[in-house]
């Protein structure tokens, strides 16, 4: 099943690597990734499409624990 993730990350080195690593360790594979820095220069809004058979709540909970992740929302793709 595919899921859309909307994340707000701190704009720091390695934040994307930590998000992708956490997702892959939990059985989710990235299908598409796009992002943009926010005008304040401190945050990054990231949209990811992930594919996996596990419950999306597991991914949401684990990503929310990352120190660089300020907000995460997961929903099924249409």
N, C-alpha and C. Protein backbone atom coordinates (compact mmCIF):
# COMPACT_ATOMS: atom_id res chain seq x y z
N UNK A 1 0.84 -1.17 0.00
CA UNK A 1 0.00 0.00 0.00
C UNK A 1 0.89 1.24 0.00
N UNK A 2 0.42 2.30 -0.61
CA UNK A 2 1.18 3.55 -0.67
C UNK A 2 0.60 4.58 0.29
N UNK A 3 1.51 5.36 0.87
CA UNK A 3 1.14 6.39 1.83
C UNK A 3 1.82 7.70 1.46
N UNK A 4 1.13 8.79 1.75
CA UNK A 4 1.68 10.14 1.57
C UNK A 4 2.08 10.66 2.94
N UNK A 5 3.31 11.10 3.07
CA UNK A 5 3.80 11.69 4.32
C UNK A 5 4.01 13.17 4.10
N UNK A 6 3.54 13.97 5.03
CA UNK A 6 3.83 15.40 5.07
C UNK A 6 4.62 15.64 6.35
N UNK A 7 5.86 16.08 6.18
CA UNK A 7 6.75 16.27 7.32
C UNK A 7 7.24 17.71 7.38
N UNK A 8 7.45 18.18 8.59
CA UNK A 8 8.16 19.43 8.81
C UNK A 8 9.42 19.05 9.58
N UNK A 9 10.56 19.35 8.99
CA UNK A 9 11.85 18.99 9.57
C UNK A 9 12.65 20.24 9.89
N UNK A 10 13.53 20.12 10.85
CA UNK A 10 14.53 21.17 11.06
C UNK A 10 15.47 21.12 9.86
N UNK A 11 15.89 22.25 9.40
CA UNK A 11 16.79 22.34 8.26
C UNK A 11 18.22 22.17 8.75
N UNK A 12 18.59 20.90 9.01
CA UNK A 12 19.92 20.57 9.51
C UNK A 12 20.50 19.43 8.69
N UNK A 13 21.81 19.35 8.70
CA UNK A 13 22.49 18.29 7.96
C UNK A 13 22.09 16.92 8.47
N UNK A 14 21.74 16.01 7.55
CA UNK A 14 21.42 14.64 7.91
C UNK A 14 19.97 14.37 8.25
N UNK A 15 19.12 15.38 8.28
CA UNK A 15 17.72 15.17 8.66
C UNK A 15 17.02 14.23 7.69
N UNK A 16 17.20 14.44 6.39
CA UNK A 16 16.55 13.59 5.40
C UNK A 16 17.08 12.16 5.49
N UNK A 17 18.36 12.01 5.69
CA UNK A 17 18.96 10.68 5.83
C UNK A 17 18.37 9.93 7.01
N UNK A 18 18.17 10.62 8.12
CA UNK A 18 17.59 9.98 9.31
C UNK A 18 16.14 9.56 9.05
N UNK A 19 15.37 10.40 8.36
CA UNK A 19 13.97 10.07 8.05
C UNK A 19 13.91 8.85 7.13
N UNK A 20 14.70 8.87 6.05
CA UNK A 20 14.69 7.74 5.11
C UNK A 20 15.17 6.46 5.78
N UNK A 21 16.20 6.55 6.61
CA UNK A 21 16.70 5.37 7.31
C UNK A 21 15.67 4.77 8.25
N UNK A 22 14.99 5.62 9.01
CA UNK A 22 13.96 5.15 9.94
C UNK A 22 12.83 4.47 9.17
N UNK A 23 12.43 5.05 8.05
CA UNK A 23 11.35 4.47 7.25
C UNK A 23 11.76 3.12 6.66
N UNK A 24 12.96 3.05 6.11
CA UNK A 24 13.41 1.80 5.49
C UNK A 24 13.59 0.70 6.51
N UNK A 25 14.07 1.03 7.71
CA UNK A 25 14.24 0.01 8.76
C UNK A 25 12.90 -0.56 9.21
N UNK A 26 11.83 0.16 8.97
CA UNK A 26 10.50 -0.31 9.36
C UNK A 26 9.72 -0.90 8.19
N UNK A 27 10.41 -1.14 7.08
CA UNK A 27 9.80 -1.86 5.96
C UNK A 27 9.10 -0.98 4.93
N UNK A 28 9.36 0.31 4.93
CA UNK A 28 8.76 1.22 3.95
C UNK A 28 9.83 1.65 2.95
N UNK A 29 9.46 1.70 1.68
CA UNK A 29 10.38 2.12 0.64
C UNK A 29 9.90 3.45 0.05
N UNK A 30 10.83 4.40 -0.15
CA UNK A 30 10.43 5.66 -0.76
C UNK A 30 10.15 5.49 -2.25
N UNK A 31 9.07 6.09 -2.70
CA UNK A 31 8.70 6.07 -4.11
C UNK A 31 8.95 7.44 -4.73
N UNK A 32 8.66 8.50 -3.97
CA UNK A 32 8.87 9.87 -4.44
C UNK A 32 9.18 10.75 -3.23
N UNK A 33 10.07 11.71 -3.43
CA UNK A 33 10.44 12.65 -2.37
C UNK A 33 10.56 14.03 -2.98
N UNK A 34 9.92 15.01 -2.36
CA UNK A 34 10.09 16.40 -2.77
C UNK A 34 10.00 17.27 -1.54
N UNK A 35 10.74 18.36 -1.56
CA UNK A 35 10.74 19.23 -0.40
C UNK A 35 11.14 20.64 -0.76
N UNK A 36 10.89 21.54 0.18
CA UNK A 36 11.26 22.93 -0.01
C UNK A 36 11.53 23.55 1.35
N UNK A 37 12.52 24.44 1.37
CA UNK A 37 12.82 25.16 2.60
C UNK A 37 11.75 26.21 2.83
N UNK A 38 11.41 26.41 4.08
CA UNK A 38 10.44 27.44 4.44
C UNK A 38 11.12 28.81 4.41
N UNK A 39 10.36 29.88 4.21
CA UNK A 39 10.95 31.22 4.11
C UNK A 39 11.78 31.63 5.33
N UNK A 40 11.49 31.09 6.51
CA UNK A 40 12.25 31.48 7.70
C UNK A 40 13.66 30.87 7.71
N UNK A 41 13.90 29.88 6.84
CA UNK A 41 15.22 29.29 6.73
C UNK A 41 15.57 28.28 7.80
N UNK A 42 14.67 28.01 8.72
CA UNK A 42 14.94 27.07 9.81
C UNK A 42 14.24 25.73 9.64
N UNK A 43 13.26 25.68 8.74
CA UNK A 43 12.45 24.47 8.59
C UNK A 43 12.39 24.06 7.13
N UNK A 44 12.03 22.80 6.95
CA UNK A 44 11.93 22.22 5.62
C UNK A 44 10.62 21.44 5.57
N UNK A 45 9.80 21.71 4.56
CA UNK A 45 8.58 20.94 4.38
C UNK A 45 8.87 19.86 3.35
N UNK A 46 8.60 18.62 3.72
CA UNK A 46 8.94 17.47 2.90
C UNK A 46 7.68 16.65 2.62
N UNK A 47 7.49 16.28 1.36
CA UNK A 47 6.40 15.40 0.97
C UNK A 47 7.00 14.12 0.40
N UNK A 48 6.60 13.01 0.97
CA UNK A 48 7.14 11.72 0.52
C UNK A 48 6.00 10.75 0.24
N UNK A 49 6.17 9.97 -0.80
CA UNK A 49 5.29 8.85 -1.06
C UNK A 49 6.07 7.60 -0.69
N UNK A 50 5.51 6.81 0.20
CA UNK A 50 6.17 5.60 0.68
C UNK A 50 5.30 4.40 0.37
N UNK A 51 5.94 3.28 0.18
CA UNK A 51 5.23 2.03 -0.09
C UNK A 51 5.63 1.02 0.98
N UNK A 52 4.65 0.31 1.51
CA UNK A 52 4.94 -0.70 2.52
C UNK A 52 3.67 -1.44 2.92
N UNK A 53 3.88 -2.59 3.52
CA UNK A 53 2.75 -3.43 3.94
C UNK A 53 2.42 -3.27 5.42
N UNK A 54 3.25 -2.57 6.16
CA UNK A 54 3.02 -2.42 7.59
C UNK A 54 2.07 -1.25 7.86
N UNK A 55 1.60 -1.16 9.08
CA UNK A 55 0.66 -0.11 9.47
C UNK A 55 1.33 1.26 9.41
N UNK A 56 0.69 2.24 8.79
CA UNK A 56 1.29 3.57 8.68
C UNK A 56 1.46 4.26 10.03
N UNK A 57 0.67 3.89 11.01
CA UNK A 57 0.79 4.48 12.34
C UNK A 57 2.16 4.18 12.96
N UNK A 58 2.70 3.01 12.67
CA UNK A 58 4.04 2.65 13.14
C UNK A 58 5.06 3.63 12.60
N UNK A 59 4.98 3.92 11.32
CA UNK A 59 5.91 4.85 10.70
C UNK A 59 5.75 6.26 11.28
N UNK A 60 4.51 6.68 11.44
CA UNK A 60 4.25 8.01 11.99
C UNK A 60 4.82 8.15 13.39
N UNK A 61 4.62 7.15 14.23
CA UNK A 61 5.13 7.20 15.61
C UNK A 61 6.65 7.25 15.65
N UNK A 62 7.29 6.45 14.80
CA UNK A 62 8.75 6.41 14.81
C UNK A 62 9.36 7.69 14.27
N UNK A 63 8.77 8.26 13.22
CA UNK A 63 9.30 9.50 12.67
C UNK A 63 9.11 10.66 13.65
N UNK A 64 8.01 10.64 14.38
CA UNK A 64 7.74 11.71 15.36
C UNK A 64 8.78 11.71 16.48
N UNK A 65 9.43 10.59 16.72
CA UNK A 65 10.46 10.50 17.76
C UNK A 65 11.79 11.12 17.34
N UNK A 66 11.99 11.32 16.05
CA UNK A 66 13.25 11.89 15.58
C UNK A 66 13.37 13.34 16.03
N UNK A 67 14.53 13.72 16.50
CA UNK A 67 14.74 15.05 17.05
C UNK A 67 14.56 16.13 15.97
N UNK A 68 14.85 15.82 14.72
CA UNK A 68 14.74 16.80 13.64
C UNK A 68 13.33 16.90 13.07
N UNK A 69 12.44 16.00 13.45
CA UNK A 69 11.07 15.99 12.92
C UNK A 69 10.16 16.80 13.84
N UNK A 70 9.65 17.90 13.32
CA UNK A 70 8.78 18.77 14.11
C UNK A 70 7.32 18.38 13.99
N UNK A 71 6.92 17.82 12.84
CA UNK A 71 5.54 17.39 12.64
C UNK A 71 5.52 16.33 11.54
N UNK A 72 4.62 15.36 11.69
CA UNK A 72 4.46 14.32 10.67
C UNK A 72 3.00 13.94 10.55
N UNK A 73 2.53 13.81 9.33
CA UNK A 73 1.17 13.38 9.03
C UNK A 73 1.24 12.31 7.95
N UNK A 74 0.53 11.21 8.15
CA UNK A 74 0.53 10.10 7.20
C UNK A 74 -0.90 9.83 6.78
N UNK A 75 -1.10 9.66 5.46
CA UNK A 75 -2.43 9.29 4.97
C UNK A 75 -2.28 8.40 3.75
N UNK A 76 -3.25 7.56 3.48
CA UNK A 76 -3.19 6.68 2.30
C UNK A 76 -3.24 7.50 1.01
N UNK A 77 -2.56 7.03 0.01
CA UNK A 77 -2.65 7.65 -1.32
C UNK A 77 -3.94 7.21 -1.99
N UNK A 78 -4.48 8.07 -2.79
CA UNK A 78 -5.71 7.73 -3.53
C UNK A 78 -5.40 6.92 -4.75
